[in-house]
Protein backbone atom coordinates (compact mmCIF):
# COMPACT_ATOMS: atom_id res chain seq x y z
CA UNK A 1 -26.77 -31.18 18.86
CA UNK A 2 -30.28 -29.91 18.00
CA UNK A 3 -31.40 -28.52 14.65
CA UNK A 4 -31.67 -24.94 15.93
CA UNK A 5 -28.05 -24.92 17.13
CA UNK A 6 -26.82 -26.36 13.84
CA UNK A 7 -28.71 -23.72 11.86
CA UNK A 8 -27.28 -20.87 13.93
CA UNK A 9 -23.72 -22.25 13.57
CA UNK A 10 -23.67 -22.73 9.81
CA UNK A 11 -25.90 -19.83 8.75
CA UNK A 12 -23.69 -17.52 10.84
CA UNK A 13 -20.57 -19.07 9.30
CA UNK A 14 -21.68 -18.64 5.68
CA UNK A 15 -23.02 -15.13 6.35
CA UNK A 16 -19.71 -14.02 7.84
CA UNK A 17 -17.80 -15.52 4.89
CA UNK A 18 -20.07 -13.66 2.44
CA UNK A 19 -19.67 -10.33 4.27
CA UNK A 20 -15.88 -10.70 4.49
CA UNK A 21 -15.67 -11.82 0.85
CA UNK A 22 -17.63 -8.82 -0.40
CA UNK A 23 -15.34 -6.52 1.60
CA UNK A 24 -12.31 -7.96 -0.20
CA UNK A 25 -13.62 -7.82 -3.79
CA UNK A 26 -12.52 -4.64 -5.50
CA UNK A 27 -15.08 -4.51 -8.31
CA UNK A 28 -18.22 -5.37 -6.38
CA UNK A 29 -20.48 -4.31 -9.27
CA UNK A 30 -18.68 -6.43 -11.86
CA UNK A 31 -21.45 -9.05 -12.01
CA UNK A 32 -21.19 -12.12 -14.21
CA UNK A 33 -24.85 -11.75 -15.22
CA UNK A 34 -27.53 -9.20 -14.46
CA UNK A 35 -27.63 -8.33 -10.71
CA UNK A 36 -31.16 -9.67 -10.31
CA UNK A 37 -29.84 -13.03 -11.57
CA UNK A 38 -26.33 -13.13 -10.12
CA UNK A 39 -27.14 -12.09 -6.55
CA UNK A 40 -30.17 -14.36 -5.84
CA UNK A 41 -28.58 -17.40 -7.50
CA UNK A 42 -25.28 -16.76 -5.72
CA UNK A 43 -27.02 -16.53 -2.34
CA UNK A 44 -29.02 -19.66 -3.15
CA UNK A 45 -25.81 -21.59 -3.87
CA UNK A 46 -24.11 -20.34 -0.69
CA UNK A 47 -26.96 -20.91 1.73
CA UNK A 48 -28.04 -24.07 -0.10
CA UNK A 49 -24.68 -25.65 0.71
CA UNK A 50 -25.06 -24.59 4.35
CA UNK A 51 -28.53 -26.10 4.65
CA UNK A 52 -27.28 -29.31 3.01
CA UNK A 53 -24.70 -29.67 5.79
CA UNK A 54 -27.19 -28.70 8.49
CA UNK A 55 -29.75 -31.34 7.59
CA UNK A 56 -27.11 -33.98 6.78
CA UNK A 57 -25.61 -33.63 10.24
CA UNK A 58 -29.00 -33.49 11.91
CA UNK A 59 -30.31 -36.58 10.15
CA UNK A 60 -27.26 -38.81 9.86
CA UNK A 61 -24.57 -37.73 12.34
CA UNK A 62 -25.22 -38.38 15.99
CA UNK A 63 -23.35 -36.06 18.39
CA UNK A 64 -21.18 -38.91 19.62
CA UNK A 65 -20.26 -39.80 16.02
CA UNK A 66 -19.28 -36.25 15.11
CA UNK A 67 -15.52 -36.75 14.85
CA UNK A 68 -12.77 -34.30 13.91
CA UNK A 69 -13.05 -35.43 10.29
CA UNK A 70 -16.79 -34.79 10.24
CA UNK A 71 -16.17 -31.35 11.73
CA UNK A 72 -13.62 -30.46 9.03
CA UNK A 73 -15.86 -31.78 6.24
CA UNK A 74 -18.89 -29.96 7.66
CA UNK A 75 -17.22 -26.55 7.32
CA UNK A 76 -15.49 -27.37 4.02
CA UNK A 77 -18.77 -27.93 2.15
CA UNK A 78 -20.34 -24.49 2.82
CA UNK A 79 -16.95 -22.86 2.14
CA UNK A 80 -16.90 -24.59 -1.25
CA UNK A 81 -20.48 -23.40 -1.72
CA UNK A 82 -19.33 -19.84 -1.01
CA UNK A 83 -16.62 -20.22 -3.67
CA UNK A 84 -19.12 -21.27 -6.36
CA UNK A 85 -21.56 -18.58 -5.20
CA UNK A 86 -18.96 -15.82 -5.61
CA UNK A 87 -17.74 -17.29 -8.89
CA UNK A 88 -21.30 -17.25 -10.24
CA UNK A 89 -21.97 -13.74 -8.94
CA UNK A 90 -18.79 -11.87 -9.94
CA UNK A 91 -16.44 -11.88 -12.89
CA UNK A 92 -13.26 -12.91 -11.11
CA UNK A 93 -10.48 -15.37 -11.88
CA UNK A 94 -10.72 -18.64 -9.90
CA UNK A 95 -7.16 -18.33 -8.53
CA UNK A 96 -7.81 -14.78 -7.34
CA UNK A 97 -11.20 -15.79 -5.93
CA UNK A 98 -9.87 -18.74 -3.92
CA UNK A 99 -7.19 -16.53 -2.36
CA UNK A 100 -9.76 -13.82 -1.62
CA UNK A 101 -12.10 -16.26 0.09
CA UNK A 102 -9.33 -17.71 2.22
CA UNK A 103 -8.46 -14.19 3.38
CA UNK A 104 -12.18 -13.80 4.11
CA UNK A 105 -11.97 -17.09 6.02
CA UNK A 106 -9.24 -15.62 8.23
CA UNK A 107 -11.50 -12.62 8.95
CA UNK A 108 -14.37 -14.91 9.92
CA UNK A 109 -12.16 -17.11 12.06
CA UNK A 110 -10.48 -14.23 13.86
CA UNK A 111 -13.91 -12.78 14.67
CA UNK A 112 -15.02 -16.19 15.94
CA UNK A 113 -11.91 -16.73 18.06
CA UNK A 114 -11.98 -13.25 19.62
CA UNK A 115 -15.65 -13.74 20.50
CA UNK A 116 -14.89 -17.18 21.98
CA UNK A 117 -11.98 -15.84 24.02
CA UNK A 118 -14.18 -13.15 25.56
CA UNK A 119 -17.13 -15.43 26.24
CA UNK A 120 -15.66 -18.81 27.11
CA UNK A 121 -12.38 -18.00 28.82
CA UNK A 122 -13.31 -14.87 30.72
CA UNK A 123 -16.81 -13.43 30.70
CA UNK A 124 -18.76 -16.65 31.25
CA UNK A 125 -16.60 -17.68 34.20
CA UNK A 126 -16.91 -14.28 35.90
CA UNK A 127 -20.67 -14.13 35.32
CA UNK A 128 -21.15 -17.62 36.70
CA UNK A 129 -19.27 -16.73 39.90
CA UNK A 130 -21.13 -13.44 40.40
CA UNK A 131 -24.67 -14.53 39.47
CA UNK A 132 -24.84 -18.16 40.44
CA UNK A 133 -25.99 -21.02 38.24
CA UNK A 134 -29.74 -20.29 38.20
CA UNK A 135 -29.43 -16.58 37.36
CA UNK A 136 -26.53 -17.30 35.03
CA UNK A 137 -28.66 -19.69 32.94
CA UNK A 138 -31.30 -16.96 32.52
CA UNK A 139 -29.14 -14.03 31.43
CA UNK A 140 -26.21 -15.74 29.71
CA UNK A 141 -27.93 -16.50 26.34
CA UNK A 142 -28.85 -12.83 25.90
CA UNK A 143 -25.44 -11.55 27.00
CA UNK A 144 -23.57 -14.13 24.92
CA UNK A 145 -25.47 -13.19 21.75
CA UNK A 146 -24.89 -9.49 22.40
CA UNK A 147 -21.16 -9.98 23.03
CA UNK A 148 -20.81 -12.49 20.19
CA UNK A 149 -22.31 -10.36 17.43
CA UNK A 150 -20.98 -7.00 18.63
CA UNK A 151 -17.47 -8.48 18.91
CA UNK A 152 -17.68 -9.91 15.41
CA UNK A 153 -18.87 -6.58 13.99
CA UNK A 154 -15.93 -4.81 15.63
CA UNK A 155 -13.38 -7.40 14.47
CA UNK A 156 -14.71 -7.43 10.88
CA UNK A 157 -14.68 -3.62 10.84
CA UNK A 158 -11.05 -3.56 11.96
CA UNK A 159 -10.22 -6.20 9.35
CA UNK A 160 -11.83 -4.02 6.70
CA UNK A 161 -9.81 -0.91 7.51
CA UNK A 162 -6.46 -2.54 8.24
CA UNK A 163 -6.47 -5.57 5.89
CA UNK A 164 -9.29 -5.45 3.33
CA UNK A 165 -8.56 -1.93 2.05
CA UNK A 166 -4.85 -2.62 1.41
CA UNK A 167 -5.84 -5.99 -0.06
CA UNK A 168 -8.22 -4.44 -2.61
CA UNK A 169 -5.53 -1.91 -3.50
CA UNK A 170 -2.94 -4.57 -4.31
CA UNK A 171 -5.22 -7.39 -5.50
CA UNK A 172 -4.91 -6.19 -9.11
CA UNK A 173 -1.53 -7.92 -9.02
CA UNK A 174 -1.77 -11.66 -9.51
CA UNK A 175 0.30 -14.04 -7.40
CA UNK A 176 1.81 -17.18 -8.87
CA UNK A 177 -0.46 -20.22 -8.64
CA UNK A 178 2.14 -22.19 -6.66
CA UNK A 179 2.32 -19.42 -4.05
CA UNK A 180 -1.48 -19.37 -3.73
CA UNK A 181 -1.70 -23.17 -3.39
CA UNK A 182 0.91 -23.23 -0.61
CA UNK A 183 -0.74 -20.38 1.30
CA UNK A 184 -4.33 -21.61 1.12
CA UNK A 185 -3.37 -25.21 1.91
CA UNK A 186 -1.43 -24.06 4.95
CA UNK A 187 -4.20 -21.86 6.34
CA UNK A 188 -6.88 -24.47 5.60
CA UNK A 189 -5.07 -27.28 7.39
CA UNK A 190 -4.02 -25.24 10.40
CA UNK A 191 -7.39 -23.59 11.08
CA UNK A 192 -9.51 -26.69 10.51
CA UNK A 193 -7.27 -29.24 12.21
CA UNK A 194 -6.57 -27.09 15.28
CA UNK A 195 -10.19 -25.97 15.59
CA UNK A 196 -11.45 -29.56 15.26
CA UNK A 197 -8.96 -30.65 17.94
CA UNK A 198 -10.16 -27.91 20.28
CA UNK A 199 -13.82 -28.77 19.77
CA UNK A 200 -13.42 -32.52 20.23
CA UNK A 201 -10.47 -32.88 22.58
CA UNK A 202 -9.94 -29.88 24.86
CA UNK A 203 -13.28 -28.05 24.88
CA UNK A 204 -13.46 -28.07 28.69
CA UNK A 205 -9.85 -26.93 29.20
CA UNK A 206 -10.46 -23.17 28.98
CA UNK A 207 -6.77 -22.31 29.43
CA UNK A 208 -5.58 -24.48 26.54
CA UNK A 209 -8.51 -23.33 24.41
CA UNK A 210 -7.52 -19.75 25.04
CA UNK A 211 -3.89 -20.41 24.09
CA UNK A 212 -4.84 -22.24 20.89
CA UNK A 213 -7.44 -19.58 20.01
CA UNK A 214 -4.90 -16.77 20.42
CA UNK A 215 -2.41 -18.79 18.35
CA UNK A 216 -4.93 -19.16 15.52
CA UNK A 217 -5.63 -15.41 15.58
CA UNK A 218 -1.91 -14.70 15.23
CA UNK A 219 -1.62 -17.30 12.48
CA UNK A 220 -4.51 -15.73 10.55
CA UNK A 221 -2.87 -12.31 10.82
CA UNK A 222 0.44 -13.76 9.57
CA UNK A 223 -1.38 -15.33 6.63
CA UNK A 224 -2.91 -11.97 5.69
CA UNK A 225 0.51 -10.31 6.01
CA UNK A 226 2.05 -12.96 3.74
CA UNK A 227 -0.65 -12.41 1.11
CA UNK A 228 -0.25 -8.62 1.18
CA UNK A 229 3.56 -8.99 1.12
CA UNK A 230 3.24 -11.23 -1.93
CA UNK A 231 1.17 -8.56 -3.69
CA UNK A 232 3.74 -5.90 -2.79
CA UNK A 233 6.55 -8.07 -4.17
CA UNK A 234 4.68 -8.35 -7.47
CA UNK A 235 4.05 -4.59 -7.41
CA UNK A 236 7.76 -3.86 -6.90
CA UNK A 237 8.66 -6.28 -9.69
CA UNK A 238 6.23 -4.57 -12.07
CA UNK A 239 7.46 -1.14 -10.98
CA UNK A 240 10.99 -2.27 -11.83
CA UNK A 241 9.69 -3.31 -15.23
CA UNK A 242 8.20 0.16 -15.68
CA UNK A 243 11.48 1.80 -14.65
CA UNK A 244 13.48 -0.35 -17.07
CA UNK A 245 10.95 0.30 -19.82
CA UNK A 246 11.09 4.03 -19.16
CA UNK A 247 14.88 4.01 -19.46
CA UNK A 248 14.71 1.93 -22.64
CA UNK A 249 12.00 4.23 -23.97
CA UNK A 250 14.10 7.33 -23.32
CA UNK A 251 17.04 5.78 -25.14
CA UNK A 252 14.73 4.79 -27.99
CA UNK A 253 13.20 8.27 -28.13
CA UNK A 254 16.68 9.80 -28.29
CA UNK A 255 17.60 7.51 -31.18
CA UNK A 256 14.38 8.38 -33.01
CA UNK A 257 14.85 12.10 -32.37
CA UNK A 258 18.36 12.02 -33.83
CA UNK A 259 17.10 10.18 -36.91
CA UNK A 260 14.16 12.58 -37.25
CA UNK A 261 16.49 15.58 -37.07
CA UNK A 262 18.79 14.08 -39.69
CA UNK A 263 15.81 13.24 -41.90
CA UNK A 264 14.33 16.74 -41.57
CA UNK A 265 17.74 18.29 -42.32
CA UNK A 266 18.00 16.12 -45.42
CA UNK A 267 14.52 17.16 -46.57
CA UNK A 268 15.31 20.80 -45.88
CA UNK A 269 18.52 20.50 -47.90
CA UNK A 270 16.60 18.94 -50.81
CA UNK A 271 14.01 21.71 -50.65
CA UNK A 272 16.62 24.48 -50.65
CA UNK A 273 18.40 22.77 -53.52
CA UNK A 274 15.15 22.60 -55.49
CA UNK A 275 14.40 26.27 -54.82
CA UNK A 276 17.88 27.28 -56.04
CA UNK A 277 17.35 25.23 -59.16
CA UNK A 278 14.05 26.97 -59.82
CA UNK A 279 15.67 30.34 -59.27
CA UNK A 280 18.33 29.47 -61.87
CA UNK A 281 15.55 28.60 -64.31
CA UNK A 282 14.11 32.15 -63.91
CA UNK A 283 11.01 30.91 -62.05
CA UNK A 284 9.80 28.55 -64.75
CA UNK A 285 7.81 25.82 -62.95
CA UNK A 286 7.04 22.60 -64.73
CA UNK A 287 4.55 19.98 -63.55
CA UNK A 288 7.44 17.82 -62.40
CA UNK A 289 8.91 20.69 -60.42
CA UNK A 290 5.53 21.38 -58.82
CA UNK A 291 5.11 17.72 -57.82
CA UNK A 292 8.53 17.66 -56.18
CA UNK A 293 7.80 20.82 -54.21
CA UNK A 294 4.37 19.60 -53.17
CA UNK A 295 5.88 16.33 -51.92
CA UNK A 296 8.42 18.18 -49.80
CA UNK A 297 5.81 20.58 -48.39
CA UNK A 298 3.34 17.79 -47.60
CA UNK A 299 5.99 16.13 -45.48
CA UNK A 300 5.90 19.08 -43.07
CA UNK A 301 2.13 19.52 -43.15
CA UNK A 302 0.78 17.71 -40.10
CA UNK A 303 -2.30 15.74 -41.03
CA UNK A 304 -2.72 14.18 -37.56
CA UNK A 305 -5.89 15.57 -35.97
CA UNK A 306 -7.12 13.28 -33.21
CA UNK A 307 -8.77 15.91 -31.01
CA UNK A 308 -5.96 15.61 -28.44
CA UNK A 309 -2.92 17.80 -29.04
CA UNK A 310 -0.61 15.54 -27.02
CA UNK A 311 -1.60 12.48 -29.01
CA UNK A 312 -1.29 14.53 -32.23
CA UNK A 313 2.31 15.41 -31.36
CA UNK A 314 3.16 11.85 -30.39
CA UNK A 315 1.76 10.26 -33.53
CA UNK A 316 3.23 12.97 -35.76
CA UNK A 317 6.66 12.30 -34.25
CA UNK A 318 6.29 8.57 -34.95
CA UNK A 319 5.07 9.29 -38.48
CA UNK A 320 8.20 11.30 -39.21
CA UNK A 321 10.40 8.49 -37.96
CA UNK A 322 8.47 5.81 -39.89
CA UNK A 323 8.76 7.94 -43.04
CA UNK A 324 12.51 8.17 -42.54
CA UNK A 325 12.97 4.39 -42.31
CA UNK A 326 10.47 3.41 -44.99
CA UNK A 327 7.60 2.23 -42.81
CA UNK A 328 4.00 2.98 -43.73
CA UNK A 329 2.24 4.02 -40.51
CA UNK A 330 -1.55 4.38 -40.70
CA UNK A 331 -3.44 5.65 -37.69
CA UNK A 332 -7.09 6.41 -36.99
CA UNK A 333 -7.25 7.58 -33.39
CA UNK A 334 -10.03 9.39 -31.55
CA UNK A 335 -8.27 11.51 -28.92
CA UNK A 336 -11.49 12.07 -26.96
CA UNK A 337 -11.71 8.32 -26.26
CA UNK A 338 -8.75 8.67 -23.86
CA UNK A 339 -10.29 11.36 -21.63
CA UNK A 340 -10.71 8.94 -18.68
CA UNK A 341 -7.01 8.00 -18.71
CA UNK A 342 -4.28 10.24 -17.33
CA UNK A 343 -2.19 12.02 -19.96
CA UNK A 344 1.03 10.36 -18.71
CA UNK A 345 -0.54 6.88 -18.99
CA UNK A 346 -1.89 7.70 -22.47
CA UNK A 347 1.57 8.79 -23.59
CA UNK A 348 3.26 5.78 -22.04
CA UNK A 349 0.67 3.35 -23.42
CA UNK A 350 0.70 4.63 -27.01
CA UNK A 351 4.47 5.12 -27.03
CA UNK A 352 5.08 1.51 -26.06
CA UNK A 353 2.50 0.19 -28.52
CA UNK A 354 3.94 2.13 -31.45
CA UNK A 355 7.62 1.66 -30.52
CA UNK A 356 7.13 -2.10 -30.18
CA UNK A 357 5.56 -2.16 -33.63
CA UNK A 358 8.34 -0.04 -35.13
CA UNK A 359 11.09 -2.24 -33.64
CA UNK A 360 9.44 -5.35 -35.09
CA UNK A 361 8.73 -3.80 -38.48
CA UNK A 362 12.27 -2.45 -38.94
CA UNK A 363 13.55 -6.02 -39.13
CA UNK A 364 11.18 -6.81 -42.04
CA UNK A 365 12.86 -6.67 -45.44
CA UNK A 366 9.81 -6.92 -47.73
CA UNK A 367 8.60 -3.40 -48.49
CA UNK A 368 4.94 -4.41 -48.67
CA UNK A 369 5.14 -5.79 -45.12
CA UNK A 370 6.71 -2.71 -43.56
CA UNK A 371 3.28 -1.56 -42.46
CA UNK A 372 1.84 -0.54 -39.08
CA UNK A 373 -1.82 0.19 -38.35
CA UNK A 374 -3.25 1.75 -35.21
CA UNK A 375 -6.87 2.51 -34.38
CA UNK A 376 -8.47 3.75 -31.16
CA UNK A 377 -12.09 4.66 -30.54
CA UNK A 378 -14.80 4.41 -27.95
CA UNK A 379 -17.61 1.92 -28.55
CA UNK A 380 -20.57 1.81 -26.16
CA UNK A 381 -18.55 3.65 -23.54
CA UNK A 382 -15.54 1.30 -23.84
CA UNK A 383 -12.13 2.32 -25.22
CA UNK A 384 -10.95 -0.15 -27.89
CA UNK A 385 -7.36 0.04 -29.16
CA UNK A 386 -6.21 -2.15 -32.05
CA UNK A 387 -2.71 -2.35 -33.49
CA UNK A 388 -1.15 -4.71 -36.02
CA UNK A 389 2.19 -5.23 -37.76
CA UNK A 390 4.22 -7.97 -39.37
CA UNK A 391 7.08 -9.48 -37.39
CA UNK A 392 10.06 -11.69 -38.06
CA UNK A 393 11.04 -14.75 -36.05
CA UNK A 394 9.00 -16.44 -33.33
CA UNK A 395 7.05 -15.04 -30.38
CA UNK A 396 7.02 -17.20 -27.25
CA UNK A 397 4.58 -16.59 -24.40
CA UNK A 398 5.48 -16.92 -20.73
CA UNK A 399 3.13 -18.85 -18.40
CA UNK A 400 1.70 -15.55 -17.09
CA UNK A 401 0.68 -14.51 -20.61
CA UNK A 402 3.50 -12.02 -21.17
CA UNK A 403 5.81 -12.31 -24.15
CA UNK A 404 9.23 -13.86 -23.78
CA UNK A 405 11.92 -12.15 -25.80
CA UNK A 406 14.01 -14.25 -28.19
CA UNK A 407 17.70 -14.10 -29.11
CA UNK A 408 16.84 -13.25 -32.68
CA UNK A 409 14.82 -10.24 -31.64
CA UNK A 410 15.68 -9.66 -27.99
CA UNK A 411 14.07 -6.24 -27.61
CA UNK A 412 10.83 -7.00 -29.42
CA UNK A 413 7.72 -6.83 -27.25
CA UNK A 414 9.72 -7.48 -24.08
CA UNK A 415 9.42 -4.95 -21.30
CA UNK A 416 7.25 -2.81 -23.58
CA UNK A 417 4.43 -5.35 -23.65
CA UNK A 418 4.66 -5.88 -19.89
CA UNK A 419 4.37 -2.13 -19.40
CA UNK A 420 1.32 -2.02 -21.66
CA UNK A 421 -0.25 -4.83 -19.63
CA UNK A 422 0.57 -2.93 -16.43
CA UNK A 423 -1.33 0.16 -17.59
CA UNK A 424 -4.25 -1.89 -18.94
CA UNK A 425 -4.53 -3.70 -15.59
CA UNK A 426 -4.37 -0.36 -13.77
CA UNK A 427 -7.64 0.66 -15.47
CA UNK A 428 -9.21 -2.81 -15.08
CA UNK A 429 -8.99 -3.41 -18.81
CA UNK A 430 -8.19 -6.48 -20.89
CA UNK A 431 -5.44 -7.13 -23.43
CA UNK A 432 -5.49 -9.78 -26.14
CA UNK A 433 -2.60 -10.74 -28.44
CA UNK A 434 -2.81 -12.77 -31.66
CA UNK A 435 0.35 -13.85 -33.52
CA UNK A 436 -1.03 -15.97 -36.37
CA UNK A 437 0.68 -15.89 -39.80
CA UNK A 438 3.53 -13.70 -38.47
CA UNK A 439 1.14 -10.80 -37.93
CA UNK A 440 1.16 -9.32 -34.46
CA UNK A 441 -2.34 -8.16 -33.51
CA UNK A 442 -2.93 -6.34 -30.26
CA UNK A 443 -6.37 -5.46 -28.92
CA UNK A 444 -6.95 -3.54 -25.70
CA UNK A 445 -10.32 -2.92 -24.11
CA UNK A 446 -10.59 -0.44 -21.22
């Protein structure tokens, strides 16, 4: 095989992988470094690996020595180069990236197989019969290139609309590592082993090549369906978490509302009692009497002014409850910082953050530790939410980073934290939890 043929094969392969990979990445502008660094270096890594294979095969592998193993290895190296190129270019988790590139691999291979089916098992034979060998040799290179590239453009376009768009929609959900390993190993072995067998064993049997090519196309489609189905399963699981959290939240809100009403009634009773006492004293108001009245009035005077009336009402409601159970709740929230988040998500996010903190703090006996702090502001265009509180017992993390509830405190940071993570992920944000010295510290960046 000459150098020109090798270059066309592997440069086309890596280019198609890059195009398909970019189609599948949701945040295409989320570069690891500056674009003028990430893009050129990424392309250099990708095409560098392709050229390494090209010249290695040209210099050291004679056509007769190019076995199935050499074929598999030859395509594995530039694929690995594509992985490192994308990893260097974009901020993306390795597990998510490897799955994305294998889906891209199915796009590339389906485009290749469809093109081969048209050219090698149908068009070439018909042209040869109609034109004769001499005329066929003249026009076939031009026609084959035209059919090859136009077919691949059509197939990749169809893949984009019917597979890539749903994939980018659901790819915010992360599949389990074991599931990813099984899927990518399966697709890698099947495509490479079958394709190597076709190239080296049955290349001249057009019928069998056509059957195996069609089988690989179906297999690639099934792989993409399995990946999308896996994402949908995770989505349904997280939606169930949201539903359960919503139900728990409603029950919790009802409990808090009842306590708030009882607390307000008690305060109102104390205020009426104090007013009657003052009336009996003929209006004489001592400093002590004034302090008692001022304390009662201040309780009803809302001091929460965030710039967002919905957040004001939410925090004020939580303040009343915390006051009733002896919790000191300090908040410094900029309501305008939440303008890019839907009002329902803001309510759900802050409600879960505060309710989780209240549930944990209620179990604390030391008065000085019954404290909750909450801050939210925008820094350099990024929303930063910080919340901290003391907690009792032990917090155990699940492998996926979520918090596992314990028997001692079975409601604490369970579904609530998962729901917070769900909303943060929805807006492509990040959540960090620190539990040192029995102080729960939550930081969210969106």
